[in-house]
Amino acid sequence: MELLRKLLFPFAILYGGITSLRNYLYSINILKRTSFSTPTIVVGNLSVGGTGKTPMVEYIIRLLKDKYKIATLSRGYKRKSEGFFLADEHTTMEQIGDEPFQYHHKFDNIAVAVDAKRVNGIENILKRRTDTQAIVLDDAFQHLAVKGGFNILLTTYDEPYYSDYMLPTGNLRESRRGSKRADIIIVTKCPPTLSSTEQNEIIKKLNLKLGQLSFFTYIEFSKLAYSKADSISVEDLKKEEFLMVAGIAKPQSFFDHLKGDKTICLTFPDHHHFSSTDIELILNKAKENKIITTEKDYVRLNGLIPSNKLYYLPIQTSFLNNQEEFDKTILNYVGASTRNG
């Protein structure tokens, strides 16, 4: 696979040239960009999947939801609806996709919408929810038709964009130069023990422009795994035999956190829709044991597996340091934009 990626390097150069031309046309206004007076926070990355966008969006939701009327807007990957869709009490996961459904299921009093065309999505949110005070755009860093008010770029500790290459040789969706559009760059999935010296070395490689801020985060796992009606501590869970199931990008940290010598791990593609054959395989592998999955997979498996067998382990983004500075930066942007609006 590694050799094949190297052989495809000429196509990576071509792809990089096409995306750079597109970005340039947006920068000189040949391609139209639309801005909004309502605060718009873009969360995204330069690479394909697995940088921790979902827990970061949830962090921002928690930060803002008790102070402002907020909405989230996502593409709704692999959903079965089309165009703009605003979630309500009758909405299913199939209609909006797994990540938006997770936001919808998890947080009260926020609007959750999906639309592949982000400008149209924002316009419809503001028409239907006229009291909206801020919109968080999930995975929209490459959607330059929207001129985001505040841009947050995520890159992982293990695979930072400055060491990566364009698709198909690497995992970058656009050139590393795209990082200059970000107001904040967050290095995610760091070891919790990452020293300040190591952080400073990474900051040098990020090559921040004047005014850009950088932060370091890690994934914090819950101490409890939850089913529909029950919970079990991770410490007690580790004393049992159980099956782990993940259909997310880069699930290794999830497996490493829980698995024991006798744990069986089943991996499926990111955003996988589980078929009856998949469910039969999972149940046969689990036998009488518990099935532990990610929160994102739980919204797709819930109702397909007996509720007393299916558990999920929540995660959240935590900052290694300077959390108050990050919070203050976001709150200041939303507060100032809301007052100006």
C-alpha atoms as a PDB file:
ATOM      1  CA  MET A   1       0.000   0.000   0.000  1.00  0.00           C
ATOM      2  CA  GLU A   2       2.855   2.356   0.874  1.00  0.00           C
ATOM      3  CA  LEU A   3       4.557   1.637  -2.454  1.00  0.00           C
ATOM      4  CA  LEU A   4       1.306   2.280  -4.344  1.00  0.00           C
ATOM      5  CA  ARG A   5       0.905   5.652  -2.644  1.00  0.00           C
ATOM      6  CA  LYS A   6       4.422   6.636  -3.675  1.00  0.00           C
ATOM      7  CA  LEU A   7       3.748   5.575  -7.267  1.00  0.00           C
ATOM      8  CA  LEU A   8       0.681   7.840  -7.280  1.00  0.00           C
ATOM      9  CA  PHE A   9       2.735  10.911  -6.367  1.00  0.00           C
ATOM     10  CA  PRO A  10       2.211  12.563  -9.814  1.00  0.00           C
ATOM     11  CA  PHE A  11      -1.531  12.460  -9.168  1.00  0.00           C
ATOM     12  CA  ALA A  12      -0.941  14.084  -5.769  1.00  0.00           C
ATOM     13  CA  ILE A  13       0.827  16.965  -7.546  1.00  0.00           C
ATOM     14  CA  LEU A  14      -2.099  17.278  -9.981  1.00  0.00           C
ATOM     15  CA  TYR A  15      -4.679  17.168  -7.184  1.00  0.00           C
ATOM     16  CA  GLY A  16      -2.720  19.744  -5.200  1.00  0.00           C
ATOM     17  CA  GLY A  17      -2.589  22.033  -8.215  1.00  0.00           C
ATOM     18  CA  ILE A  18      -6.347  21.797  -8.772  1.00  0.00           C
ATOM     19  CA  THR A  19      -7.223  22.533  -5.136  1.00  0.00           C
ATOM     20  CA  SER A  20      -4.699  25.393  -4.980  1.00  0.00           C
ATOM     21  CA  LEU A  21      -6.199  26.961  -8.114  1.00  0.00           C
ATOM     22  CA  ARG A  22      -9.682  26.654  -6.642  1.00  0.00           C
ATOM     23  CA  ASN A  23      -8.560  28.287  -3.390  1.00  0.00           C
ATOM     24  CA  TYR A  24      -6.834  31.087  -5.310  1.00  0.00           C
ATOM     25  CA  LEU A  25     -10.002  31.810  -7.308  1.00  0.00           C
ATOM     26  CA  TYR A  26     -11.871  32.170  -4.020  1.00  0.00           C
ATOM     27  CA  SER A  27      -9.153  34.446  -2.621  1.00  0.00           C
ATOM     28  CA  ILE A  28      -9.453  36.907  -5.551  1.00  0.00           C
ATOM     29  CA  ASN A  29     -13.281  36.759  -5.518  1.00  0.00           C
ATOM     30  CA  ILE A  30     -13.697  35.130  -8.946  1.00  0.00           C
ATOM     31  CA  LEU A  31     -15.501  32.409  -7.020  1.00  0.00           C
ATOM     32  CA  LYS A  32     -18.032  33.971  -4.661  1.00  0.00           C
ATOM     33  CA  ARG A  33     -17.666  33.804  -0.894  1.00  0.00           C
ATOM     34  CA  THR A  34     -20.602  34.620   1.395  1.00  0.00           C
ATOM     35  CA  SER A  35     -20.196  35.981   4.892  1.00  0.00           C
ATOM     36  CA  PHE A  36     -22.850  36.312   7.589  1.00  0.00           C
ATOM     37  CA  SER A  37     -23.369  38.769  10.419  1.00  0.00           C
ATOM     38  CA  THR A  38     -24.319  35.842  12.669  1.00  0.00           C
ATOM     39  CA  PRO A  39     -21.134  34.348  14.187  1.00  0.00           C
ATOM     40  CA  THR A  40     -19.980  31.275  12.243  1.00  0.00           C
ATOM     41  CA  ILE A  41     -17.344  28.997  13.747  1.00  0.00           C
ATOM     42  CA  VAL A  42     -15.749  26.584  11.270  1.00  0.00           C
ATOM     43  CA  VAL A  43     -14.228  23.366  12.645  1.00  0.00           C
ATOM     44  CA  GLY A  44     -12.241  21.286  10.179  1.00  0.00           C
ATOM     45  CA  ASN A  45      -8.931  19.860   9.067  1.00  0.00           C
ATOM     46  CA  LEU A  46      -6.642  19.529   6.068  1.00  0.00           C
ATOM     47  CA  SER A  47      -6.597  15.739   6.087  1.00  0.00           C
ATOM     48  CA  VAL A  48      -9.077  12.932   5.613  1.00  0.00           C
ATOM     49  CA  GLY A  49     -10.927  11.996   8.802  1.00  0.00           C
ATOM     50  CA  GLY A  50      -9.929  11.035  12.308  1.00  0.00           C
ATOM     51  CA  THR A  51      -8.697  14.353  13.727  1.00  0.00           C
ATOM     52  CA  GLY A  52     -11.301  14.644  16.508  1.00  0.00           C
ATOM     53  CA  LYS A  53     -13.794  17.047  14.923  1.00  0.00           C
ATOM     54  CA  THR A  54     -16.826  15.577  16.688  1.00  0.00           C
ATOM     55  CA  PRO A  55     -15.525  15.965  20.278  1.00  0.00           C
ATOM     56  CA  MET A  56     -14.264  19.472  19.405  1.00  0.00           C
ATOM     57  CA  VAL A  57     -17.684  20.498  18.064  1.00  0.00           C
ATOM     58  CA  GLU A  58     -19.237  19.103  21.232  1.00  0.00           C
ATOM     59  CA  TYR A  59     -16.763  21.079  23.349  1.00  0.00           C
ATOM     60  CA  ILE A  60     -17.797  24.302  21.601  1.00  0.00           C
ATOM     61  CA  ILE A  61     -21.485  23.416  21.987  1.00  0.00           C
ATOM     62  CA  ARG A  62     -21.000  22.982  25.751  1.00  0.00           C
ATOM     63  CA  LEU A  63     -19.089  26.250  25.913  1.00  0.00           C
ATOM     64  CA  LEU A  64     -21.814  28.279  24.163  1.00  0.00           C
ATOM     65  CA  LYS A  65     -25.182  26.579  24.652  1.00  0.00           C
ATOM     66  CA  ASP A  66     -26.075  28.093  28.022  1.00  0.00           C
ATOM     67  CA  LYS A  67     -25.208  31.619  26.876  1.00  0.00           C
ATOM     68  CA  TYR A  68     -26.449  31.748  23.279  1.00  0.00           C
ATOM     69  CA  LYS A  69     -28.989  30.203  20.922  1.00  0.00           C
ATOM     70  CA  ILE A  70     -26.751  28.058  18.767  1.00  0.00           C
ATOM     71  CA  ALA A  71     -27.020  25.741  15.775  1.00  0.00           C
ATOM     72  CA  THR A  72     -24.750  23.148  14.201  1.00  0.00           C
ATOM     73  CA  LEU A  73     -24.509  22.569  10.457  1.00  0.00           C
ATOM     74  CA  SER A  74     -22.977  19.424   8.957  1.00  0.00           C
ATOM     75  CA  ARG A  75     -22.933  17.724   5.595  1.00  0.00           C
ATOM     76  CA  GLY A  76     -24.776  14.710   7.004  1.00  0.00           C
ATOM     77  CA  TYR A  77     -22.484  12.098   5.475  1.00  0.00           C
ATOM     78  CA  LYS A  78     -24.294   8.949   4.216  1.00  0.00           C
ATOM     79  CA  ARG A  79     -27.722  10.258   5.238  1.00  0.00           C
ATOM     80  CA  LYS A  80     -30.791   9.176   3.279  1.00  0.00           C
ATOM     81  CA  SER A  81     -32.330  12.638   2.957  1.00  0.00           C
ATOM     82  CA  GLU A  82     -31.354  15.329   0.452  1.00  0.00           C
ATOM     83  CA  GLY A  83     -30.836  19.085   0.548  1.00  0.00           C
ATOM     84  CA  PHE A  84     -31.430  21.065   3.718  1.00  0.00           C
ATOM     85  CA  PHE A  85     -32.823  19.188   6.712  1.00  0.00           C
ATOM     86  CA  LEU A  86     -33.477  20.603  10.178  1.00  0.00           C
ATOM     87  CA  ALA A  87     -33.806  17.985  12.916  1.00  0.00           C
ATOM     88  CA  ASP A  88     -36.877  17.795  15.149  1.00  0.00           C
ATOM     89  CA  GLU A  89     -38.232  15.370  17.751  1.00  0.00           C
ATOM     90  CA  HIS A  90     -39.173  12.844  15.039  1.00  0.00           C
ATOM     91  CA  THR A  91     -35.841  12.865  13.194  1.00  0.00           C
ATOM     92  CA  THR A  92     -33.965   9.574  12.744  1.00  0.00           C
ATOM     93  CA  MET A  93     -30.258   8.913  12.360  1.00  0.00           C
ATOM     94  CA  GLU A  94     -30.817   7.831   8.744  1.00  0.00           C
ATOM     95  CA  GLN A  95     -32.219  11.266   7.885  1.00  0.00           C
ATOM     96  CA  ILE A  96     -29.275  13.365   9.123  1.00  0.00           C
ATOM     97  CA  GLY A  97     -26.296  11.026   9.601  1.00  0.00           C
ATOM     98  CA  ASP A  98     -24.561   9.690  12.680  1.00  0.00           C
ATOM     99  CA  GLU A  99     -22.596  12.719  13.906  1.00  0.00           C
ATOM    100  CA  PRO A 100     -25.448  15.260  13.583  1.00  0.00           C
ATOM    101  CA  PHE A 101     -27.804  12.750  15.219  1.00  0.00           C
ATOM    102  CA  GLN A 102     -25.341  12.425  18.090  1.00  0.00           C
ATOM    103  CA  TYR A 103     -25.453  16.218  18.607  1.00  0.00           C
ATOM    104  CA  HIS A 104     -29.252  16.175  18.309  1.00  0.00           C
ATOM    105  CA  HIS A 105     -29.640  13.297  20.748  1.00  0.00           C
ATOM    106  CA  LYS A 106     -27.107  14.625  23.246  1.00  0.00           C
ATOM    107  CA  PHE A 107     -27.876  18.331  23.564  1.00  0.00           C
ATOM    108  CA  ASP A 108     -31.166  20.060  24.309  1.00  0.00           C
ATOM    109  CA  ASN A 109     -32.075  23.499  22.991  1.00  0.00           C
ATOM    110  CA  ILE A 110     -29.696  23.585  20.029  1.00  0.00           C
ATOM    111  CA  ALA A 111     -30.675  23.439  16.357  1.00  0.00           C
ATOM    112  CA  VAL A 112     -29.065  20.645  14.343  1.00  0.00           C
ATOM    113  CA  ALA A 113     -29.163  20.936  10.558  1.00  0.00           C
ATOM    114  CA  VAL A 114     -27.524  19.236   7.581  1.00  0.00           C
ATOM    115  CA  ASP A 115     -26.858  20.507   4.073  1.00  0.00           C
ATOM    116  CA  ALA A 116     -24.001  19.723   1.673  1.00  0.00           C
ATOM    117  CA  LYS A 117     -24.266  23.340   0.462  1.00  0.00           C
ATOM    118  CA  ARG A 118     -23.209  25.268   3.527  1.00  0.00           C
ATOM    119  CA  VAL A 119     -24.351  28.717   2.340  1.00  0.00           C
ATOM    120  CA  ASN A 120     -27.835  27.370   1.678  1.00  0.00           C
ATOM    121  CA  GLY A 121     -27.765  25.597   5.035  1.00  0.00           C
ATOM    122  CA  ILE A 122     -26.892  28.746   6.972  1.00  0.00           C
ATOM    123  CA  GLU A 123     -29.507  30.797   5.124  1.00  0.00           C
ATOM    124  CA  ASN A 124     -32.188  28.229   5.937  1.00  0.00           C
ATOM    125  CA  ILE A 125     -31.191  28.023   9.607  1.00  0.00           C
ATOM    126  CA  LEU A 126     -31.461  31.802   9.931  1.00  0.00           C
ATOM    127  CA  LYS A 127     -34.866  31.807   8.202  1.00  0.00           C
ATOM    128  CA  ARG A 128     -36.331  28.996  10.300  1.00  0.00           C
ATOM    129  CA  ARG A 129     -34.594  29.761  13.592  1.00  0.00           C
ATOM    130  CA  THR A 130     -34.549  33.546  13.607  1.00  0.00           C
ATOM    131  CA  ASP A 131     -33.225  33.671  17.178  1.00  0.00           C
ATOM    132  CA  THR A 132     -30.001  31.843  16.240  1.00  0.00           C
ATOM    133  CA  GLN A 133     -26.977  33.672  17.676  1.00  0.00           C
ATOM    134  CA  ALA A 134     -24.103  31.436  16.547  1.00  0.00           C
ATOM    135  CA  ILE A 135     -23.587  28.557  14.110  1.00  0.00           C
ATOM    136  CA  VAL A 136     -20.913  25.861  14.424  1.00  0.00           C
ATOM    137  CA  LEU A 137     -19.973  24.375  11.033  1.00  0.00           C
ATOM    138  CA  ASP A 138     -18.740  20.804  11.328  1.00  0.00           C
ATOM    139  CA  ASP A 139     -16.059  19.778   8.786  1.00  0.00           C
ATOM    140  CA  ALA A 140     -16.322  22.906   6.639  1.00  0.00           C
ATOM    141  CA  PHE A 141     -12.718  24.112   6.394  1.00  0.00           C
ATOM    142  CA  GLN A 142     -12.616  23.375   2.640  1.00  0.00           C
ATOM    143  CA  HIS A 143     -16.072  24.916   2.012  1.00  0.00           C
ATOM    144  CA  LEU A 144     -14.772  28.301   0.959  1.00  0.00           C
ATOM    145  CA  ALA A 145     -18.128  29.435  -0.417  1.00  0.00           C
ATOM    146  CA  VAL A 146     -18.784  30.321   3.235  1.00  0.00           C
ATOM    147  CA  LYS A 147     -16.419  32.927   4.606  1.00  0.00           C
ATOM    148  CA  GLY A 148     -16.305  31.681   8.176  1.00  0.00           C
ATOM    149  CA  GLY A 149     -16.143  34.242  10.904  1.00  0.00           C
ATOM    150  CA  PHE A 150     -13.753  32.136  12.958  1.00  0.00           C
ATOM    151  CA  ASN A 151     -11.769  29.126  11.688  1.00  0.00           C
ATOM    152  CA  ILE A 152     -10.456  26.282  13.846  1.00  0.00           C
ATOM    153  CA  LEU A 153      -8.078  23.809  12.196  1.00  0.00           C
ATOM    154  CA  LEU A 154      -7.403  20.400  13.771  1.00  0.00           C
ATOM    155  CA  THR A 155      -4.354  18.233  13.144  1.00  0.00           C
ATOM    156  CA  THR A 156      -3.351  15.098  15.035  1.00  0.00           C
ATOM    157  CA  TYR A 157      -0.209  14.625  17.105  1.00  0.00           C
ATOM    158  CA  ASP A 158       0.649  11.368  15.295  1.00  0.00           C
ATOM    159  CA  GLU A 159      -0.006  12.661  11.755  1.00  0.00           C
ATOM    160  CA  PRO A 160       0.430  16.456  11.677  1.00  0.00           C
ATOM    161  CA  TYR A 161      -0.313  18.188   8.386  1.00  0.00           C
ATOM    162  CA  TYR A 162       3.227  19.568   8.148  1.00  0.00           C
ATOM    163  CA  SER A 163       4.544  15.987   7.720  1.00  0.00           C
ATOM    164  CA  ASP A 164       1.800  14.867   5.349  1.00  0.00           C
ATOM    165  CA  TYR A 165       1.301  14.926   1.569  1.00  0.00           C
ATOM    166  CA  MET A 166      -1.585  15.475  -0.802  1.00  0.00           C
ATOM    167  CA  LEU A 167      -3.965  12.675  -1.696  1.00  0.00           C
ATOM    168  CA  PRO A 168      -3.492   9.995  -2.922  1.00  0.00           C
ATOM    169  CA  THR A 169       0.153   9.840  -1.752  1.00  0.00           C
ATOM    170  CA  GLY A 170      -0.770  11.225   1.674  1.00  0.00           C
ATOM    171  CA  ASN A 171      -3.996  12.199   3.419  1.00  0.00           C
ATOM    172  CA  LEU A 172      -4.197  15.950   2.754  1.00  0.00           C
ATOM    173  CA  ARG A 173      -7.310  17.293   1.034  1.00  0.00           C
ATOM    174  CA  GLU A 174      -5.547  20.562   0.259  1.00  0.00           C
ATOM    175  CA  SER A 175      -2.075  22.068   0.480  1.00  0.00           C
ATOM    176  CA  ARG A 176      -0.450  22.758   3.847  1.00  0.00           C
ATOM    177  CA  ARG A 177      -0.764  26.446   2.899  1.00  0.00           C
ATOM    178  CA  GLY A 178      -4.455  26.143   3.751  1.00  0.00           C
ATOM    179  CA  SER A 179      -3.457  26.258   7.421  1.00  0.00           C
ATOM    180  CA  LYS A 180      -2.919  30.022   7.037  1.00  0.00           C
ATOM    181  CA  ARG A 181      -6.723  30.509   6.889  1.00  0.00           C
ATOM    182  CA  ALA A 182      -7.077  29.276  10.466  1.00  0.00           C
ATOM    183  CA  ASP A 183      -7.455  31.572  13.455  1.00  0.00           C
ATOM    184  CA  ILE A 184      -6.622  28.690  15.790  1.00  0.00           C
ATOM    185  CA  ILE A 185      -4.669  25.475  15.129  1.00  0.00           C
ATOM    186  CA  ILE A 186      -5.254  22.642  17.579  1.00  0.00           C
ATOM    187  CA  VAL A 187      -2.982  19.606  17.799  1.00  0.00           C
ATOM    188  CA  THR A 188      -5.352  16.815  18.856  1.00  0.00           C
ATOM    189  CA  LYS A 189      -5.002  13.316  20.306  1.00  0.00           C
ATOM    190  CA  CYS A 190      -1.800  14.220  22.127  1.00  0.00           C
ATOM    191  CA  PRO A 191      -0.354  12.083  24.917  1.00  0.00           C
ATOM    192  CA  PRO A 192      -1.672  13.599  28.163  1.00  0.00           C
ATOM    193  CA  THR A 193       1.933  13.798  29.379  1.00  0.00           C
ATOM    194  CA  LEU A 194       3.219  15.829  26.413  1.00  0.00           C
ATOM    195  CA  SER A 195       5.809  18.226  27.834  1.00  0.00           C
ATOM    196  CA  SER A 196       5.986  21.954  27.227  1.00  0.00           C
ATOM    197  CA  THR A 197       9.321  21.420  25.458  1.00  0.00           C
ATOM    198  CA  GLU A 198       7.724  18.991  23.007  1.00  0.00           C
ATOM    199  CA  GLN A 199       4.807  21.367  22.515  1.00  0.00           C
ATOM    200  CA  ASN A 200       7.184  24.203  21.635  1.00  0.00           C
ATOM    201  CA  GLU A 201       8.964  22.006  19.085  1.00  0.00           C
ATOM    202  CA  ILE A 202       5.632  21.250  17.411  1.00  0.00           C
ATOM    203  CA  ILE A 203       4.646  24.932  17.435  1.00  0.00           C
ATOM    204  CA  LYS A 204       7.839  25.752  15.525  1.00  0.00           C
ATOM    205  CA  LYS A 205       6.883  23.197  12.851  1.00  0.00           C
ATOM    206  CA  LEU A 206       3.343  24.606  12.609  1.00  0.00           C
ATOM    207  CA  ASN A 207       4.971  27.822  11.361  1.00  0.00           C
ATOM    208  CA  LEU A 208       2.179  29.994  12.718  1.00  0.00           C
ATOM    209  CA  LYS A 209       1.457  33.294  11.037  1.00  0.00           C
ATOM    210  CA  LEU A 210       1.160  36.492  13.053  1.00  0.00           C
ATOM    211  CA  GLY A 211      -1.993  36.361  15.195  1.00  0.00           C
ATOM    212  CA  GLN A 212      -2.586  32.604  14.944  1.00  0.00           C
ATOM    213  CA  LEU A 213      -3.028  30.747  18.217  1.00  0.00           C
ATOM    214  CA  SER A 214      -2.163  27.107  18.902  1.00  0.00           C
ATOM    215  CA  PHE A 215      -3.460  24.670  21.514  1.00  0.00           C
ATOM    216  CA  PHE A 216      -2.906  21.024  22.445  1.00  0.00           C
ATOM    217  CA  THR A 217      -5.671  18.581  23.366  1.00  0.00           C
ATOM    218  CA  TYR A 218      -6.068  14.933  24.248  1.00  0.00           C
ATOM    219  CA  ILE A 219      -8.970  12.509  24.220  1.00  0.00           C
ATOM    220  CA  GLU A 220     -10.406  11.892  27.672  1.00  0.00           C
ATOM    221  CA  PHE A 221     -12.367   8.675  28.016  1.00  0.00           C
ATOM    222  CA  SER A 222     -15.319   8.396  30.355  1.00  0.00           C
ATOM    223  CA  LYS A 223     -14.903   6.312  33.492  1.00  0.00           C
ATOM    224  CA  LEU A 224     -18.298   4.735  32.788  1.00  0.00           C
ATOM    225  CA  ALA A 225     -19.668   2.834  29.788  1.00  0.00           C
ATOM    226  CA  TYR A 226     -23.399   3.282  29.218  1.00  0.00           C
ATOM    227  CA  SER A 227     -26.233   1.164  27.870  1.00  0.00           C
ATOM    228  CA  LYS A 228     -29.794   2.336  27.300  1.00  0.00           C
ATOM    229  CA  ALA A 229     -30.723   1.701  30.931  1.00  0.00           C
ATOM    230  CA  ASP A 230     -27.515   0.871  32.743  1.00  0.00           C
ATOM    231  CA  SER A 231     -23.861   1.768  33.211  1.00  0.00           C
ATOM    232  CA  ILE A 232     -20.700  -0.031  34.246  1.00  0.00           C
ATOM    233  CA  SER A 233     -17.365   1.349  35.391  1.00  0.00           C
ATOM    234  CA  VAL A 234     -14.423   0.854  33.071  1.00  0.00           C
ATOM    235  CA  GLU A 235     -12.484  -0.777  35.901  1.00  0.00           C
ATOM    236  CA  ASP A 236     -15.220  -3.384  36.415  1.00  0.00           C
ATOM    237  CA  LEU A 237     -15.615  -3.826  32.671  1.00  0.00           C
ATOM    238  CA  LYS A 238     -11.938  -4.703  32.265  1.00  0.00           C
ATOM    239  CA  LYS A 239     -12.447  -7.680  34.559  1.00  0.00           C
ATOM    240  CA  GLU A 240     -14.874  -9.205  32.045  1.00  0.00           C
ATOM    241  CA  GLU A 241     -14.661 -10.641  28.563  1.00  0.00           C
ATOM    242  CA  PHE A 242     -16.393  -8.405  26.005  1.00  0.00           C
ATOM    243  CA  LEU A 243     -16.492  -7.545  22.326  1.00  0.00           C
ATOM    244  CA  MET A 244     -15.376  -4.151  20.992  1.00  0.00           C
ATOM    245  CA  VAL A 245     -16.919  -2.755  17.802  1.00  0.00           C
ATOM    246  CA  ALA A 246     -15.823   0.403  15.970  1.00  0.00           C
ATOM    247  CA  GLY A 247     -16.866   1.930  12.656  1.00  0.00           C
ATOM    248  CA  ILE A 248     -14.902   5.171  12.930  1.00  0.00           C
ATOM    249  CA  ALA A 249     -11.728   6.574  11.388  1.00  0.00           C
ATOM    250  CA  LYS A 250      -8.622   5.556  13.360  1.00  0.00           C
ATOM    251  CA  PRO A 251     -10.213   3.546  16.209  1.00  0.00           C
ATOM    252  CA  GLN A 252      -6.925   2.286  17.675  1.00  0.00           C
ATOM    253  CA  SER A 253      -6.931   4.583  20.717  1.00  0.00           C
ATOM    254  CA  PHE A 254     -10.445   3.346  21.591  1.00  0.00           C
ATOM    255  CA  PHE A 255      -9.303  -0.274  21.352  1.00  0.00           C
ATOM    256  CA  ASP A 256      -6.086   0.371  23.276  1.00  0.00           C
ATOM    257  CA  HIS A 257      -7.939   2.067  26.127  1.00  0.00           C
ATOM    258  CA  LEU A 258     -10.170  -0.907  26.908  1.00  0.00           C
ATOM    259  CA  LYS A 259      -9.033  -4.146  25.367  1.00  0.00           C
ATOM    260  CA  GLY A 260      -7.580  -6.980  27.412  1.00  0.00           C
ATOM    261  CA  ASP A 261      -5.896 -10.234  26.489  1.00  0.00           C
ATOM    262  CA  LYS A 262      -9.201 -11.916  25.657  1.00  0.00           C
ATOM    263  CA  THR A 263     -10.976  -8.960  24.056  1.00  0.00           C
ATOM    264  CA  ILE A 264     -12.086  -9.374  20.434  1.00  0.00           C
ATOM    265  CA  CYS A 265     -12.082  -6.198  18.310  1.00  0.00           C
ATOM    266  CA  LEU A 266     -14.198  -5.792  15.193  1.00  0.00           C
ATOM    267  CA  THR A 267     -13.426  -2.899  12.847  1.00  0.00           C
ATOM    268  CA  PHE A 268     -15.773  -1.512  10.204  1.00  0.00           C
ATOM    269  CA  PRO A 269     -15.352   1.442   7.782  1.00  0.00           C
ATOM    270  CA  ASP A 270     -15.970   4.987   9.005  1.00  0.00           C
ATOM    271  CA  HIS A 271     -19.701   5.924   9.090  1.00  0.00           C
ATOM    272  CA  HIS A 272     -20.568   2.290   8.331  1.00  0.00           C
ATOM    273  CA  HIS A 273     -24.236   1.363   8.030  1.00  0.00           C
ATOM    274  CA  PHE A 274     -24.524  -2.007   9.750  1.00  0.00           C
ATOM    275  CA  SER A 275     -26.275  -4.690   7.691  1.00  0.00           C
ATOM    276  CA  SER A 276     -28.127  -7.725   9.022  1.00  0.00           C
ATOM    277  CA  THR A 277     -25.021  -9.774   8.165  1.00  0.00           C
ATOM    278  CA  ASP A 278     -22.875  -7.413  10.222  1.00  0.00           C
ATOM    279  CA  ILE A 279     -25.247  -7.672  13.177  1.00  0.00           C
ATOM    280  CA  GLU A 280     -25.228 -11.467  12.967  1.00  0.00           C
ATOM    281  CA  LEU A 281     -21.413 -11.433  12.954  1.00  0.00           C
ATOM    282  CA  ILE A 282     -21.284  -9.095  15.967  1.00  0.00           C
ATOM    283  CA  LEU A 283     -23.739 -11.173  17.989  1.00  0.00           C
ATOM    284  CA  ASN A 284     -21.965 -14.433  17.130  1.00  0.00           C
ATOM    285  CA  LYS A 285     -18.602 -12.987  18.175  1.00  0.00           C
ATOM    286  CA  ALA A 286     -20.029 -11.520  21.389  1.00  0.00           C
ATOM    287  CA  LYS A 287     -21.830 -14.706  22.462  1.00  0.00           C
ATOM    288  CA  GLU A 288     -23.162 -13.911  25.955  1.00  0.00           C
ATOM    289  CA  ASN A 289     -20.745 -11.061  26.576  1.00  0.00           C
ATOM    290  CA  LYS A 290     -21.250  -7.305  26.494  1.00  0.00           C
ATOM    291  CA  ILE A 291     -20.660  -5.337  23.295  1.00  0.00           C
ATOM    292  CA  ILE A 292     -18.746  -2.072  23.778  1.00  0.00           C
ATOM    293  CA  THR A 293     -18.734   0.526  21.011  1.00  0.00           C
ATOM    294  CA  THR A 294     -18.053   4.207  20.436  1.00  0.00           C
ATOM    295  CA  GLU A 295     -20.695   6.853  20.991  1.00  0.00           C
ATOM    296  CA  LYS A 296     -20.843   7.530  17.245  1.00  0.00           C
ATOM    297  CA  ASP A 297     -21.353   3.841  16.466  1.00  0.00           C
ATOM    298  CA  TYR A 298     -23.952   3.500  19.207  1.00  0.00           C
ATOM    299  CA  VAL A 299     -26.397   5.773  17.375  1.00  0.00           C
ATOM    300  CA  ARG A 300     -26.163   3.395  14.382  1.00  0.00           C
ATOM    301  CA  LEU A 301     -26.288   0.145  16.375  1.00  0.00           C
ATOM    302  CA  ASN A 302     -28.978   1.183  18.834  1.00  0.00           C
ATOM    303  CA  GLY A 303     -32.130  -0.830  18.094  1.00  0.00           C
ATOM    304  CA  LEU A 304     -30.233  -3.443  16.070  1.00  0.00           C
ATOM    305  CA  ILE A 305     -28.627  -5.161  19.070  1.00  0.00           C
ATOM    306  CA  PRO A 306     -30.379  -6.079  22.352  1.00  0.00           C
ATOM    307  CA  SER A 307     -30.176  -3.006  24.572  1.00  0.00           C
ATOM    308  CA  ASN A 308     -28.953  -4.970  27.597  1.00  0.00           C
ATOM    309  CA  LYS A 309     -25.861  -6.102  25.635  1.00  0.00           C
ATOM    310  CA  LEU A 310     -24.883  -2.839  23.898  1.00  0.00           C
ATOM    311  CA  TYR A 311     -22.741  -0.234  25.722  1.00  0.00           C
ATOM    312  CA  TYR A 312     -20.884   2.847  24.523  1.00  0.00           C
ATOM    313  CA  LEU A 313     -17.903   4.687  25.951  1.00  0.00           C
ATOM    314  CA  PRO A 314     -18.172   8.500  25.705  1.00  0.00           C
ATOM    315  CA  ILE A 315     -15.139  10.643  25.004  1.00  0.00           C
ATOM    316  CA  GLN A 316     -14.485  14.363  25.203  1.00  0.00           C
ATOM    317  CA  THR A 317     -11.796  16.843  24.255  1.00  0.00           C
ATOM    318  CA  SER A 318      -9.577  18.056  27.091  1.00  0.00           C
ATOM    319  CA  PHE A 319      -6.841  20.694  26.910  1.00  0.00           C
ATOM    320  CA  LEU A 320      -3.316  20.027  28.096  1.00  0.00           C
ATOM    321  CA  ASN A 321      -3.053  23.687  29.080  1.00  0.00           C
ATOM    322  CA  ASN A 322      -4.392  27.165  28.265  1.00  0.00           C
ATOM    323  CA  GLN A 323      -8.029  26.028  28.209  1.00  0.00           C
ATOM    324  CA  GLU A 324      -9.173  29.342  29.670  1.00  0.00           C
ATOM    325  CA  GLU A 325      -7.462  31.221  26.839  1.00  0.00           C
ATOM    326  CA  PHE A 326      -9.237  29.088  24.242  1.00  0.00           C
ATOM    327  CA  ASP A 327     -12.618  29.543  25.941  1.00  0.00           C
ATOM    328  CA  LYS A 328     -12.110  33.284  26.244  1.00  0.00           C
ATOM    329  CA  THR A 329     -11.116  33.588  22.561  1.00  0.00           C
ATOM    330  CA  ILE A 330     -14.277  31.803  21.367  1.00  0.00           C
ATOM    331  CA  LEU A 331     -16.563  33.632  23.789  1.00  0.00           C
ATOM    332  CA  ASN A 332     -15.057  36.994  22.847  1.00  0.00           C
ATOM    333  CA  TYR A 333     -15.593  36.307  19.137  1.00  0.00           C
ATOM    334  CA  VAL A 334     -19.216  35.240  19.576  1.00  0.00           C
ATOM    335  CA  GLY A 335     -19.960  38.012  22.059  1.00  0.00           C
ATOM    336  CA  ALA A 336     -18.447  40.776  19.937  1.00  0.00           C
ATOM    337  CA  SER A 337     -20.065  39.482  16.724  1.00  0.00           C
ATOM    338  CA  THR A 338     -23.445  39.127  18.411  1.00  0.00           C
ATOM    339  CA  ARG A 339     -23.301  42.687  19.750  1.00  0.00           C
ATOM    340  CA  ASN A 340     -22.217  44.032  16.374  1.00  0.00           C
ATOM    341  CA  GLY A 341     -24.957  42.038  14.619  1.00  0.00           C
END
